[in-house]
Amino acid sequence: MNAKKVILILLIVGTVIALPFINRQVFGTNAKEVNVSTLSQRIISPSILASGFLTHEEEVMLSSEVIGKVSELYVEEGDEVRKGQLLLQVDDKNFIAGLEQSQAAERITSIDIERQEIRIENLIRQFVRSKSLHEQKMIGDDEFDTVSNQLDLARIDLKSSQERLTQARAQLDQVTDNLSKTKIVSPIDGVITSLDIKVGETAIASSTNIPGSSLMTIANPASIYTEVLVDEADVANIEIGQRAEIVAIAYPDQPMQGIVRYIANTAKVAPGRQGLSFTVKIDIIDAGDVVLRPGMSCRAEIFTRQDQEVVAVPIQAIIFEEDRSALRSEYFIFVNDNGIARKTKIEVGISDDEYQELMSEIDENIQIIVGPDQELRHLLEGDRIDTTVVELL
């Protein structure tokens, strides 16, 4: 093939490619290609979206009340446990020694009291004889006073010993209580969700406020629920008893059903969020095949009103404009007027994720421009359009 033929072929191909552009420039078509659809009745479920996580209503974090090394550990993470079940044993040798010491101190003090009581009885008899002799002038005042003082001092010593006995018994009770605290038992029926201690490690008393004093966490798997944060602008539309659909991030295709059971009375500033939010708790009534685990991130769609069948348009077809002079928002759609885009003001009502209720009266046969989004956002009143009719799902 010679050079002239190659050049000729390239010219023909170039002309074919450029022909649509030349046609638009020369003949002035320059129409925007858009998708159109007619109005239709839709069932809309007004809802509010919120994000949060799964957590347990009944969950306890166990800490030791005494300091000591862990000598026995009877459970592993994931084990089911019953209320009162022995979970962990802190080395009790020192506590047993302390108990024996306290018991001995109590016995010694009790013996001292018995001896002092006998001595007082003897002193009382001696005092009675001395008093009789003193009245008969058979002994002097000094001898009588000596016996009387000995009786008074003996009674004081007895009272002091009785106080020491009270103290010894209190010490014994405390040591006995501390010994009982070396055995960690489950306060609830549940599952070990985390185990933070090993045999040989030192259990730290929770009263020390030292980080890391947690031994393990137990939760009742039947008490799992969803906790989400709702923006203050939406919380007025939420009521206890409303239906919700919950999707865990780990199971995006397996929605769960729930019911709103709690709405916080006080707003809070949540980390990473602007403005105020309210905590909303949602009970899971049907988890399906989802394996629920506390801490899972999730999204909840709370349905704020009953399903309604209304005339609706896709949300992406609605143009939102803010009228600053009137301090209000205005909504518009573009309609097809014989190949010309016409901007039409509308009133809107309830909405869901995809559709918005159209409250304005518009001819049901008129074609509404629904996309593509890029063309729709740059569309102007009076633009020429080439339309493709699409059926909305």
Foldseek 3Di string as FASTA:
>chain_A
DDPVVVVVVVVVVVCVVCVVVVCCVPVVQPFAAFAKEFWDKDWFFFWDKWKFFKDFPFKDFDFFQDKAFWADADDDAFDWAAAFAWGTFGDCPVLVVQLVVLVVQLVVLVVVLVVLVVVLVVLVVVLVVLVVCVVVVNDDPVVNVVSVVVNVVSVVVNVVSVVSNVVSVVSNVVSVVSSVSSTDGHRHGFGFNFAQDDGGDMQDRVVVVDPSNTGTMGGHVQRMWTKTWAAPVCPVLDDFFFKKWKAFPVRNPQIFIWTWHDWDPDWDDDPPDPHTIIITIIGTPGRDPDDDDGPTMMMMITRRDDIDIATKDWPLQKDWDADVVVRGIWIWGWWDDPQFTAIGTFDWDGHDPTIIHTPDDDPSPTMTGRDDSVCSVVDDGGRGHDYDYDDDD
